[in-house]
N, C-alpha and C. Protein backbone atom coordinates (compact mmCIF):
# COMPACT_ATOMS: atom_id res chain seq x y z
N MET A 1 0.78 -1.23 -0.02
CA MET A 1 -0.11 -0.03 0.13
C MET A 1 0.78 1.37 0.03
N ARG A 2 0.63 2.09 -0.69
CA ARG A 2 1.29 3.52 -0.89
C ARG A 2 0.35 4.59 -0.08
N PHE A 3 0.99 5.47 0.44
CA PHE A 3 0.34 6.47 1.14
C PHE A 3 0.95 7.81 0.70
N ARG A 4 0.05 8.87 0.41
CA ARG A 4 0.53 10.14 -0.05
C ARG A 4 -0.54 11.24 0.17
N PRO A 5 -0.11 12.31 0.21
CA PRO A 5 -1.03 13.61 0.41
C PRO A 5 -2.27 13.49 -0.74
N ALA A 6 -3.45 13.92 -0.52
CA ALA A 6 -4.29 13.85 -1.34
C ALA A 6 -4.25 15.03 -2.25
N LEU A 7 -4.75 14.67 -3.59
CA LEU A 7 -4.68 15.83 -4.66
C LEU A 7 -6.12 16.38 -4.98
N THR A 8 -6.08 17.21 -5.82
CA THR A 8 -7.63 17.60 -6.37
C THR A 8 -8.13 16.49 -7.12
N THR A 9 -7.24 15.75 -7.78
CA THR A 9 -7.79 14.61 -8.66
C THR A 9 -8.17 13.48 -7.87
N ASP A 10 -8.06 13.57 -6.54
CA ASP A 10 -8.87 12.44 -5.61
C ASP A 10 -10.19 13.03 -5.16
N ILE A 11 -10.68 13.98 -5.49
CA ILE A 11 -11.85 14.59 -4.89
C ILE A 11 -13.05 13.70 -5.19
N ALA A 12 -13.22 13.22 -6.26
CA ALA A 12 -14.31 12.29 -6.57
C ALA A 12 -14.10 10.92 -5.75
N ALA A 13 -13.25 10.24 -5.81
CA ALA A 13 -12.89 9.05 -5.15
C ALA A 13 -12.93 9.29 -3.55
N VAL A 14 -12.57 10.20 -3.02
CA VAL A 14 -12.76 10.36 -1.47
C VAL A 14 -14.04 10.68 -1.21
N ALA A 15 -14.66 11.61 -1.85
CA ALA A 15 -16.13 11.86 -1.81
C ALA A 15 -16.75 10.56 -1.85
N ALA A 16 -16.73 9.76 -2.71
CA ALA A 16 -17.38 8.47 -2.95
C ALA A 16 -17.14 7.41 -1.83
N LEU A 17 -15.91 7.40 -1.35
CA LEU A 17 -15.66 6.48 -0.28
C LEU A 17 -16.38 7.08 0.99
N HIS A 18 -16.42 8.31 1.23
CA HIS A 18 -17.07 8.87 2.50
C HIS A 18 -18.48 8.76 2.38
N ALA A 19 -19.42 8.96 1.22
CA ALA A 19 -20.46 8.83 1.24
C ALA A 19 -21.05 7.33 1.60
N ASP A 20 -20.05 6.41 0.84
CA ASP A 20 -20.46 4.83 1.21
C ASP A 20 -20.26 4.52 2.61
N SER A 21 -19.24 5.01 3.22
CA SER A 21 -19.02 4.75 4.56
C SER A 21 -20.23 5.20 5.49
N TRP A 22 -20.63 6.48 5.20
CA TRP A 22 -21.65 6.95 6.01
C TRP A 22 -23.17 6.21 5.80
N ARG A 23 -23.12 5.65 4.42
CA ARG A 23 -24.35 5.03 4.12
C ARG A 23 -24.34 3.52 4.85
N ARG A 24 -23.05 2.87 4.94
CA ARG A 24 -22.94 1.60 5.63
C ARG A 24 -22.99 1.69 7.19
N TYR A 25 -22.49 2.70 7.84
CA TYR A 25 -22.24 2.68 9.41
C TYR A 25 -22.77 3.79 10.14
N TYR A 26 -23.51 4.82 9.38
CA TYR A 26 -24.23 5.69 10.19
C TYR A 26 -25.53 5.64 10.05
N ARG A 27 -26.03 4.51 9.49
CA ARG A 27 -27.69 4.20 9.39
C ARG A 27 -28.30 3.96 10.88
N GLY A 28 -29.15 4.66 11.05
CA GLY A 28 -29.87 4.75 12.34
C GLY A 28 -29.62 6.25 12.95
N ALA A 29 -28.33 6.63 12.89
CA ALA A 29 -27.92 7.83 13.48
C ALA A 29 -28.43 9.13 12.54
N TYR A 30 -28.11 8.79 11.26
CA TYR A 30 -28.38 9.81 10.28
C TYR A 30 -29.81 9.41 9.66
N ALA A 31 -30.46 10.24 9.10
CA ALA A 31 -31.91 10.15 8.70
C ALA A 31 -31.67 9.26 7.32
N ASP A 32 -32.58 8.30 7.11
CA ASP A 32 -32.49 7.62 5.83
C ASP A 32 -32.67 8.49 4.83
N THR A 33 -33.66 9.74 4.79
CA THR A 33 -33.77 10.50 3.68
C THR A 33 -32.48 11.10 3.27
N TYR A 34 -31.62 11.46 4.06
CA TYR A 34 -30.37 12.00 4.01
C TYR A 34 -29.38 11.07 3.39
N LEU A 35 -29.37 9.80 3.88
CA LEU A 35 -28.31 8.84 3.42
C LEU A 35 -28.76 8.32 2.08
N ASP A 36 -30.04 8.24 1.91
CA ASP A 36 -30.54 7.73 0.64
C ASP A 36 -30.59 8.62 -0.28
N GLY A 37 -30.58 9.82 -0.15
CA GLY A 37 -30.71 10.98 -0.99
C GLY A 37 -29.42 11.27 -1.82
N ASP A 38 -29.16 12.49 -2.20
CA ASP A 38 -27.97 12.84 -2.97
C ASP A 38 -26.79 13.21 -2.04
N ILE A 39 -26.37 12.17 -1.44
CA ILE A 39 -25.36 12.56 -0.21
C ILE A 39 -24.01 12.67 -0.97
N LEU A 40 -23.78 12.12 -2.08
CA LEU A 40 -22.54 12.07 -2.88
C LEU A 40 -22.35 13.48 -3.26
N THR A 41 -23.35 14.30 -3.66
CA THR A 41 -23.15 15.54 -4.18
C THR A 41 -22.95 16.56 -2.95
N ASP A 42 -23.31 16.16 -1.81
CA ASP A 42 -22.93 16.90 -0.64
C ASP A 42 -21.73 16.64 -0.25
N ARG A 43 -21.15 15.43 -0.30
CA ARG A 43 -19.73 15.16 0.21
C ARG A 43 -18.57 15.70 -0.89
N LEU A 44 -19.20 15.62 -2.17
CA LEU A 44 -18.42 16.40 -3.26
C LEU A 44 -17.95 17.67 -2.82
N ALA A 45 -19.10 18.46 -2.53
CA ALA A 45 -18.84 19.86 -2.11
C ALA A 45 -17.77 20.06 -0.95
N VAL A 46 -17.94 19.17 0.02
CA VAL A 46 -17.17 19.31 1.24
C VAL A 46 -15.58 19.11 0.68
N TRP A 47 -15.44 17.97 -0.05
CA TRP A 47 -14.08 17.57 -0.35
C TRP A 47 -13.47 18.52 -1.47
N THR A 48 -14.49 19.09 -2.38
CA THR A 48 -13.99 20.20 -3.24
C THR A 48 -13.28 21.27 -2.61
N ALA A 49 -14.14 21.83 -1.48
CA ALA A 49 -13.61 22.92 -0.97
C ALA A 49 -12.22 22.64 0.02
N ARG A 50 -12.31 21.36 0.55
CA ARG A 50 -11.04 21.02 1.26
C ARG A 50 -9.81 20.89 0.51
N LEU A 51 -9.91 20.21 -0.61
CA LEU A 51 -8.75 19.79 -1.33
C LEU A 51 -8.27 20.83 -2.40
N ARG A 52 -9.15 21.60 -2.85
CA ARG A 52 -8.74 22.80 -3.85
C ARG A 52 -8.22 23.80 -3.07
N ASP A 53 -8.59 24.22 -1.85
CA ASP A 53 -7.99 25.29 -1.19
C ASP A 53 -7.86 24.84 0.28
N PRO A 54 -6.89 23.95 0.48
CA PRO A 54 -6.66 23.40 1.88
C PRO A 54 -6.08 24.45 2.75
N ALA A 55 -6.86 24.34 4.12
CA ALA A 55 -6.25 25.26 5.19
C ALA A 55 -4.72 24.79 5.68
N PRO A 56 -4.03 25.72 6.08
CA PRO A 56 -2.57 25.26 6.53
C PRO A 56 -2.67 24.16 7.58
N SER A 57 -3.65 24.23 8.40
CA SER A 57 -3.87 23.08 9.43
C SER A 57 -4.36 21.70 8.99
N ASP A 58 -4.89 21.75 7.72
CA ASP A 58 -5.38 20.34 7.12
C ASP A 58 -4.43 19.56 6.61
N VAL A 59 -4.58 18.24 6.93
CA VAL A 59 -3.58 17.24 6.47
C VAL A 59 -4.70 16.14 5.75
N THR A 60 -4.59 15.79 4.73
CA THR A 60 -5.37 14.50 4.22
C THR A 60 -4.51 13.65 3.44
N ILE A 61 -4.53 12.36 3.84
CA ILE A 61 -3.42 11.29 3.30
C ILE A 61 -4.36 10.32 2.75
N VAL A 62 -4.14 9.84 1.57
CA VAL A 62 -4.71 8.79 0.86
C VAL A 62 -3.98 7.49 0.65
N ALA A 63 -4.65 6.37 0.82
CA ALA A 63 -3.91 5.19 0.59
C ALA A 63 -4.36 4.59 -0.82
N GLU A 64 -3.12 3.96 -1.47
CA GLU A 64 -3.57 3.45 -2.88
C GLU A 64 -2.83 2.00 -3.00
N PRO A 65 -3.32 1.15 -3.57
CA PRO A 65 -2.62 -0.05 -3.73
C PRO A 65 -1.26 -0.02 -4.32
N GLY A 66 -0.17 -0.83 -3.74
CA GLY A 66 1.07 -0.64 -4.35
C GLY A 66 1.14 -1.31 -5.87
N GLY A 67 2.38 -1.01 -6.55
CA GLY A 67 2.42 -1.66 -7.76
C GLY A 67 1.94 -0.63 -8.95
N PRO A 68 2.07 -0.88 -10.16
CA PRO A 68 1.61 0.00 -10.99
C PRO A 68 -0.04 0.24 -10.94
N ALA A 69 -0.30 1.64 -11.08
CA ALA A 69 -1.72 1.94 -11.12
C ALA A 69 -2.34 1.60 -12.53
N PRO A 70 -3.75 1.21 -12.46
CA PRO A 70 -4.43 0.97 -13.80
C PRO A 70 -4.25 2.37 -14.54
N ASP A 71 -4.13 2.10 -15.89
CA ASP A 71 -4.23 3.32 -16.61
C ASP A 71 -4.72 2.89 -18.04
N HIS A 72 -5.19 3.98 -18.50
CA HIS A 72 -5.59 4.00 -20.18
C HIS A 72 -4.53 3.85 -21.09
N PRO A 73 -4.87 3.50 -22.43
CA PRO A 73 -3.63 3.54 -23.41
C PRO A 73 -3.00 4.69 -23.65
N GLU A 74 -1.94 4.87 -24.11
CA GLU A 74 -0.93 5.90 -24.10
C GLU A 74 -1.65 7.08 -25.00
N VAL A 75 -1.73 8.40 -24.44
CA VAL A 75 -2.31 9.48 -25.08
C VAL A 75 -1.15 10.31 -25.25
N THR A 76 -1.51 11.62 -26.22
CA THR A 76 -0.68 12.55 -26.52
C THR A 76 -1.20 13.75 -25.79
N THR A 77 -0.24 14.52 -25.11
CA THR A 77 -0.45 15.69 -24.50
C THR A 77 -0.69 17.02 -25.41
N ALA A 78 -1.01 18.15 -24.82
CA ALA A 78 -1.00 19.32 -25.58
C ALA A 78 0.36 19.69 -26.11
N THR A 79 1.51 19.43 -25.19
CA THR A 79 2.71 19.77 -25.66
C THR A 79 3.41 18.72 -26.63
N GLY A 80 2.85 17.70 -27.11
CA GLY A 80 3.06 16.76 -27.89
C GLY A 80 3.87 15.57 -27.24
N GLN A 81 4.03 15.51 -26.05
CA GLN A 81 4.74 14.52 -25.20
C GLN A 81 3.78 13.36 -25.11
N SER A 82 4.11 12.17 -25.10
CA SER A 82 3.39 10.91 -24.76
C SER A 82 3.28 10.54 -23.41
N GLY A 83 2.30 9.87 -22.92
CA GLY A 83 2.14 9.60 -21.58
C GLY A 83 1.01 8.72 -21.23
N THR A 84 0.50 8.46 -20.02
CA THR A 84 -0.64 7.75 -19.70
C THR A 84 -1.47 8.44 -18.89
N ARG A 85 -2.80 8.30 -18.92
CA ARG A 85 -3.91 8.81 -17.97
C ARG A 85 -4.29 7.93 -16.91
N GLN A 86 -4.05 8.08 -15.67
CA GLN A 86 -4.23 7.07 -14.78
C GLN A 86 -5.89 7.13 -14.60
N HIS A 87 -6.50 5.83 -14.18
CA HIS A 87 -7.88 5.78 -13.84
C HIS A 87 -8.07 6.63 -12.74
N PRO A 88 -9.35 7.42 -12.60
CA PRO A 88 -9.65 8.32 -11.72
C PRO A 88 -9.81 8.02 -10.22
N ALA A 89 -10.21 6.83 -10.16
CA ALA A 89 -10.83 6.31 -8.80
C ALA A 89 -10.40 5.10 -8.20
N ALA A 90 -9.70 4.32 -9.17
CA ALA A 90 -9.33 2.84 -8.73
C ALA A 90 -8.34 2.74 -7.60
N ALA A 91 -7.53 3.94 -7.36
CA ALA A 91 -6.35 3.77 -6.52
C ALA A 91 -6.60 3.82 -5.12
N ILE A 92 -7.71 4.50 -4.89
CA ILE A 92 -8.23 4.88 -3.45
C ILE A 92 -8.78 3.57 -2.68
N ALA A 93 -7.94 3.49 -1.67
CA ALA A 93 -8.47 2.25 -0.66
C ALA A 93 -8.89 2.82 0.62
N GLY A 94 -8.39 4.09 1.03
CA GLY A 94 -8.86 4.53 2.06
C GLY A 94 -8.21 6.08 2.43
N PHE A 95 -8.73 6.67 3.42
CA PHE A 95 -8.03 8.13 3.50
C PHE A 95 -8.27 8.60 4.96
N VAL A 96 -7.45 9.43 5.44
CA VAL A 96 -7.60 10.05 6.87
C VAL A 96 -7.32 11.44 6.54
N HIS A 97 -8.27 12.36 7.37
CA HIS A 97 -8.17 13.75 7.40
C HIS A 97 -7.90 14.07 8.70
N VAL A 98 -6.80 15.21 9.07
CA VAL A 98 -6.52 15.71 10.38
C VAL A 98 -6.52 17.34 10.16
N ILE A 99 -7.02 17.70 11.32
CA ILE A 99 -6.92 19.18 11.44
C ILE A 99 -6.03 19.49 12.51
N LEU A 100 -4.64 20.09 12.45
CA LEU A 100 -3.82 20.23 13.28
C LEU A 100 -4.13 21.12 14.29
N ASP A 101 -3.83 21.03 15.66
CA ASP A 101 -4.08 21.99 16.69
C ASP A 101 -5.53 22.39 16.53
N HIS A 102 -6.62 21.57 16.53
CA HIS A 102 -7.98 22.00 16.39
C HIS A 102 -8.51 22.50 17.52
N ASP A 103 -8.12 21.93 18.73
CA ASP A 103 -8.53 22.13 19.99
C ASP A 103 -7.41 22.54 20.79
N GLU A 104 -7.59 23.61 21.62
CA GLU A 104 -6.32 24.02 22.66
C GLU A 104 -6.14 22.93 23.69
N ARG A 105 -7.14 22.29 24.10
CA ARG A 105 -7.18 21.15 25.21
C ARG A 105 -6.79 19.87 24.54
N TRP A 106 -7.58 19.54 23.53
CA TRP A 106 -7.61 18.11 22.99
C TRP A 106 -6.53 17.96 21.84
N GLY A 107 -6.09 18.78 21.35
CA GLY A 107 -5.12 18.75 20.30
C GLY A 107 -5.79 18.70 18.94
N SER A 108 -5.10 17.94 18.04
CA SER A 108 -5.38 17.81 16.69
C SER A 108 -6.62 16.78 16.46
N LEU A 109 -7.41 16.93 15.53
CA LEU A 109 -8.66 16.44 15.30
C LEU A 109 -8.46 15.35 14.12
N VAL A 110 -8.64 14.07 14.39
CA VAL A 110 -8.86 13.24 13.23
C VAL A 110 -10.29 13.20 12.83
N ASP A 111 -10.79 14.11 11.74
CA ASP A 111 -12.14 14.23 11.36
C ASP A 111 -12.72 13.33 10.43
N ASN A 112 -11.89 12.80 9.64
CA ASN A 112 -12.33 11.47 8.99
C ASN A 112 -11.27 10.44 8.89
N LEU A 113 -11.75 9.17 9.02
CA LEU A 113 -11.04 7.94 8.68
C LEU A 113 -11.76 6.87 8.14
N HIS A 114 -11.57 6.73 6.72
CA HIS A 114 -12.44 5.71 6.10
C HIS A 114 -11.76 4.72 5.53
N VAL A 115 -12.06 3.50 5.38
CA VAL A 115 -11.49 2.32 4.36
C VAL A 115 -12.36 1.70 3.69
N THR A 116 -12.32 1.31 2.63
CA THR A 116 -13.15 0.66 1.92
C THR A 116 -13.58 -0.65 2.36
N SER A 117 -14.84 -1.01 2.19
CA SER A 117 -15.41 -2.20 3.00
C SER A 117 -14.81 -3.46 2.75
N THR A 118 -14.16 -3.72 1.56
CA THR A 118 -13.42 -4.99 1.24
C THR A 118 -11.96 -5.11 2.01
N ARG A 119 -11.59 -3.86 2.54
CA ARG A 119 -10.29 -3.87 3.16
C ARG A 119 -10.28 -3.79 4.71
N HIS A 120 -11.45 -3.88 5.23
CA HIS A 120 -11.61 -3.75 6.78
C HIS A 120 -10.90 -5.04 7.41
N ARG A 121 -10.43 -4.69 8.39
CA ARG A 121 -9.61 -5.86 9.30
C ARG A 121 -8.26 -6.38 8.51
N GLY A 122 -7.72 -5.43 7.77
CA GLY A 122 -6.50 -5.68 6.92
C GLY A 122 -5.37 -4.95 7.36
N GLY A 123 -5.52 -4.09 8.27
CA GLY A 123 -4.41 -3.25 8.84
C GLY A 123 -4.33 -1.86 8.25
N LEU A 124 -5.20 -1.67 7.17
CA LEU A 124 -5.28 -0.37 6.65
C LEU A 124 -5.49 0.83 7.41
N GLY A 125 -6.56 0.54 8.33
CA GLY A 125 -7.04 1.41 9.27
C GLY A 125 -6.17 1.79 10.23
N SER A 126 -5.26 0.82 10.75
CA SER A 126 -4.12 1.23 11.62
C SER A 126 -3.13 1.97 11.01
N ALA A 127 -2.69 1.77 9.80
CA ALA A 127 -1.72 2.29 9.02
C ALA A 127 -2.02 3.90 8.98
N LEU A 128 -3.35 4.24 8.67
CA LEU A 128 -3.79 5.56 8.36
C LEU A 128 -3.71 6.31 9.65
N LEU A 129 -4.41 5.54 10.67
CA LEU A 129 -4.29 6.19 12.09
C LEU A 129 -3.00 6.59 12.53
N THR A 130 -1.98 5.68 12.26
CA THR A 130 -0.64 5.82 12.58
C THR A 130 0.06 7.09 11.80
N ARG A 131 -0.46 7.28 10.60
CA ARG A 131 0.01 8.42 9.80
C ARG A 131 -0.58 9.82 10.24
N ALA A 132 -1.91 9.73 10.72
CA ALA A 132 -2.45 10.68 11.30
C ALA A 132 -1.53 11.16 12.54
N ALA A 133 -1.15 10.16 13.42
CA ALA A 133 -0.57 10.59 14.55
C ALA A 133 0.96 11.13 14.20
N GLU A 134 1.66 10.53 13.15
CA GLU A 134 2.73 11.17 12.74
C GLU A 134 2.77 12.64 12.15
N ALA A 135 1.62 12.75 11.47
CA ALA A 135 1.33 14.33 10.88
C ALA A 135 1.13 14.97 12.23
N THR A 136 0.49 14.73 13.27
CA THR A 136 0.39 15.44 14.34
C THR A 136 1.63 15.72 14.99
N ALA A 137 2.56 14.74 15.20
CA ALA A 137 3.77 14.76 16.04
C ALA A 137 4.81 15.76 15.20
N THR A 138 4.70 15.91 13.86
CA THR A 138 5.65 16.70 13.17
C THR A 138 5.24 18.01 12.98
N GLY A 139 3.75 18.05 12.84
CA GLY A 139 3.21 19.40 12.35
C GLY A 139 2.48 20.43 13.45
N ALA A 140 2.03 19.72 14.50
CA ALA A 140 1.24 20.37 15.54
C ALA A 140 2.16 20.76 16.81
N ALA A 141 1.60 21.91 17.38
CA ALA A 141 2.29 22.40 18.63
C ALA A 141 1.91 21.46 19.91
N ASN A 142 0.57 21.09 19.71
CA ASN A 142 0.14 20.34 20.86
C ASN A 142 0.21 18.76 20.54
N PRO A 143 0.89 17.87 21.41
CA PRO A 143 1.15 16.51 20.98
C PRO A 143 -0.12 15.60 21.07
N ALA A 144 -1.34 16.29 21.60
CA ALA A 144 -2.42 15.33 21.61
C ALA A 144 -3.19 15.20 20.49
N LEU A 145 -3.94 14.06 20.52
CA LEU A 145 -4.83 13.82 19.22
C LEU A 145 -6.16 13.31 19.81
N TYR A 146 -7.33 13.57 19.09
CA TYR A 146 -8.71 13.23 19.56
C TYR A 146 -9.52 13.16 18.21
N LEU A 147 -10.74 12.40 18.54
CA LEU A 147 -11.79 12.22 17.45
C LEU A 147 -12.91 11.78 18.05
N TRP A 148 -14.08 11.98 17.40
CA TRP A 148 -15.36 11.77 17.64
C TRP A 148 -15.78 10.34 17.09
N VAL A 149 -16.40 9.38 17.79
CA VAL A 149 -16.92 8.25 17.19
C VAL A 149 -18.55 8.03 17.72
N GLN A 150 -19.43 7.88 16.77
CA GLN A 150 -20.64 7.70 17.20
C GLN A 150 -20.97 6.40 18.03
N GLU A 151 -21.73 6.72 19.18
CA GLU A 151 -22.03 5.52 20.28
C GLU A 151 -22.44 4.25 19.58
N GLN A 152 -23.15 4.37 18.59
CA GLN A 152 -23.62 2.99 17.95
C GLN A 152 -22.56 2.38 17.28
N ASN A 153 -21.39 2.99 17.01
CA ASN A 153 -20.39 2.36 16.34
C ASN A 153 -19.39 1.54 17.27
N THR A 154 -19.89 0.53 17.68
CA THR A 154 -18.97 -0.21 18.80
C THR A 154 -17.84 -0.96 17.98
N ALA A 155 -18.02 -1.23 16.90
CA ALA A 155 -16.66 -1.67 16.24
C ALA A 155 -15.57 -0.75 16.04
N ALA A 156 -15.83 0.32 15.89
CA ALA A 156 -14.70 1.52 15.74
C ALA A 156 -14.31 1.97 17.07
N GLN A 157 -15.17 1.76 18.00
CA GLN A 157 -14.89 2.07 19.58
C GLN A 157 -13.75 1.14 19.99
N ALA A 158 -13.93 -0.27 19.51
CA ALA A 158 -12.97 -1.33 19.95
C ALA A 158 -11.75 -1.06 19.02
N PHE A 159 -11.87 -0.67 17.95
CA PHE A 159 -10.57 -0.41 17.13
C PHE A 159 -9.61 0.92 17.73
N TYR A 160 -10.26 1.86 18.28
CA TYR A 160 -9.56 3.02 18.72
C TYR A 160 -9.08 2.76 20.11
N ALA A 161 -9.86 1.78 20.75
CA ALA A 161 -9.38 1.53 22.22
C ALA A 161 -8.03 0.54 22.15
N ALA A 162 -8.12 -0.38 21.08
CA ALA A 162 -7.02 -1.23 20.77
C ALA A 162 -5.68 -0.53 20.47
N HIS A 163 -5.90 0.97 19.92
CA HIS A 163 -4.77 1.59 19.49
C HIS A 163 -4.45 2.56 20.61
N GLY A 164 -5.15 2.35 21.89
CA GLY A 164 -4.66 3.36 22.89
C GLY A 164 -5.55 4.35 23.23
N GLY A 165 -6.68 4.47 22.40
CA GLY A 165 -7.77 5.85 22.55
C GLY A 165 -8.36 5.54 23.87
N ARG A 166 -8.88 6.49 24.42
CA ARG A 166 -9.53 6.61 25.85
C ARG A 166 -10.80 7.42 25.50
N VAL A 167 -11.88 6.85 25.88
CA VAL A 167 -13.23 7.57 25.82
C VAL A 167 -13.29 8.53 27.06
N VAL A 168 -13.46 9.88 26.99
CA VAL A 168 -13.40 10.87 27.87
C VAL A 168 -14.79 11.77 27.96
N GLU A 169 -15.53 11.57 26.96
CA GLU A 169 -16.76 12.41 27.06
C GLU A 169 -17.78 11.92 26.10
N ARG A 170 -19.01 12.37 26.43
CA ARG A 170 -20.20 11.79 25.59
C ARG A 170 -21.15 13.15 25.31
N ALA A 171 -21.55 13.17 24.05
CA ALA A 171 -22.19 14.51 23.53
C ALA A 171 -23.22 14.13 22.50
N PRO A 172 -24.08 15.03 22.14
CA PRO A 172 -25.12 14.78 21.04
C PRO A 172 -24.10 14.74 19.66
N VAL A 173 -24.71 14.14 18.92
CA VAL A 173 -24.02 14.18 17.45
C VAL A 173 -24.69 15.52 16.89
N SER A 174 -23.67 16.11 16.00
CA SER A 174 -24.26 17.44 15.37
C SER A 174 -24.86 16.97 14.13
N ASP A 175 -25.74 17.81 13.61
CA ASP A 175 -26.38 17.68 12.29
C ASP A 175 -25.25 17.71 11.19
N PRO A 176 -25.17 16.51 10.32
CA PRO A 176 -24.17 16.74 9.10
C PRO A 176 -24.39 18.10 8.52
N GLY A 177 -23.19 18.64 8.23
CA GLY A 177 -23.29 20.07 7.63
C GLY A 177 -23.84 21.05 8.19
N GLY A 178 -24.46 20.84 9.41
CA GLY A 178 -25.15 21.87 10.21
C GLY A 178 -26.54 22.05 9.56
N VAL A 179 -27.04 21.20 8.89
CA VAL A 179 -28.36 21.18 8.14
C VAL A 179 -29.19 20.60 9.37
N PRO A 180 -30.25 21.19 9.64
CA PRO A 180 -31.32 20.44 10.60
C PRO A 180 -32.13 19.53 9.86
N GLY A 181 -32.53 18.21 10.36
CA GLY A 181 -33.31 17.42 9.93
C GLY A 181 -32.68 16.16 9.20
N ARG A 182 -31.14 16.26 9.40
CA ARG A 182 -30.39 15.16 8.74
C ARG A 182 -30.23 13.96 9.86
N LEU A 183 -30.57 14.18 11.15
CA LEU A 183 -30.35 13.20 12.19
C LEU A 183 -31.59 12.50 12.25
N ASN A 184 -31.36 11.10 12.92
CA ASN A 184 -32.52 10.35 13.18
C ASN A 184 -32.67 10.28 14.79
N GLY A 185 -33.56 11.15 15.26
CA GLY A 185 -33.66 11.00 16.78
C GLY A 185 -32.62 11.94 17.35
N GLN A 186 -32.11 11.35 18.39
CA GLN A 186 -31.04 12.20 19.31
C GLN A 186 -29.73 11.23 19.49
N PRO A 187 -29.04 10.82 18.36
CA PRO A 187 -27.77 9.98 18.53
C PRO A 187 -26.78 10.78 19.38
N MET A 188 -25.81 9.92 19.90
CA MET A 188 -24.83 10.39 20.86
C MET A 188 -23.56 10.15 20.24
N LYS A 189 -22.37 10.61 20.42
CA LYS A 189 -20.98 10.29 20.10
C LYS A 189 -20.03 10.53 21.31
N LEU A 190 -19.00 9.80 21.18
CA LEU A 190 -18.00 9.70 22.23
C LEU A 190 -16.61 10.49 21.96
N ARG A 191 -16.06 11.21 22.70
CA ARG A 191 -14.83 11.86 22.43
C ARG A 191 -13.69 10.75 22.80
N VAL A 192 -12.71 10.32 21.96
CA VAL A 192 -11.72 9.43 22.08
C VAL A 192 -10.42 10.18 21.98
N THR A 193 -9.54 10.15 23.13
CA THR A 193 -8.33 10.90 23.14
C THR A 193 -6.80 10.09 23.11
N TRP A 194 -6.01 10.83 22.72
CA TRP A 194 -4.70 10.29 22.89
C TRP A 194 -3.87 11.44 23.51
N PRO A 195 -3.56 11.53 24.77
CA PRO A 195 -2.91 12.92 25.13
C PRO A 195 -1.34 13.15 24.59
N ASP A 196 -0.85 11.90 24.26
CA ASP A 196 0.43 12.01 23.50
C ASP A 196 0.37 10.96 22.30
N VAL A 197 0.56 11.53 21.14
CA VAL A 197 0.36 10.78 19.95
C VAL A 197 1.26 9.59 19.71
N ARG A 198 2.40 9.52 20.44
CA ARG A 198 3.34 8.53 20.42
C ARG A 198 2.57 7.06 20.97
N ALA A 199 1.36 7.29 21.60
CA ALA A 199 0.68 6.13 22.23
C ALA A 199 0.03 5.48 21.08
N VAL A 200 -0.23 6.03 20.03
CA VAL A 200 -1.06 5.40 18.78
C VAL A 200 0.01 4.62 18.04
N THR A 201 1.31 5.12 17.95
CA THR A 201 2.27 4.26 17.16
C THR A 201 2.63 3.05 18.09
N ARG A 202 2.68 3.13 19.32
CA ARG A 202 3.00 2.00 20.31
C ARG A 202 1.90 0.95 20.35
N HIS A 203 0.82 1.28 19.79
CA HIS A 203 -0.30 0.22 19.69
C HIS A 203 -0.68 -0.32 18.45
N ALA A 204 -0.10 0.38 17.42
CA ALA A 204 -0.39 -0.06 16.10
C ALA A 204 0.23 -1.34 15.72
């Protein structure tokens, strides 16, 4: 698996994986009308803004399978040089998005961590979480890391606990995108923390 910073050419693939993960794992917390609606357009807008004009504190890392990427037959560019055009979405196996020094107390925020459903329990989530920790260790002033996980997502809670994360707070889930009516009832979320990001790599 290769890991690299996300590019604008990854917008469609990242948004598609984000939408698919929400549909699979946020069912019950988010309203069906939202999940079954045009959620992809919603996620495309989010990732277009994030990747076309990233904030200095934003770090987005994508994972792609090792080896040569699938491509189309050779094409000729406007300058007359020959080359290949990569398939636009085949390479994305997962991604993580971190906002450095997001909170004065809790440190950097892992705002998104998603892996394709066919690669669960294969170590990719651990690798992405480790890279989020490394980005925090090298780029943030505060050595702490945290994230929010939905209370209904017990599998994710077990994953973070296995990597040294500790639940310290319970709070209501916010409406996705700040739009009222996108929640189903009053779901709750848990704050998971690592006071020192080195704890993540020790448990990876």
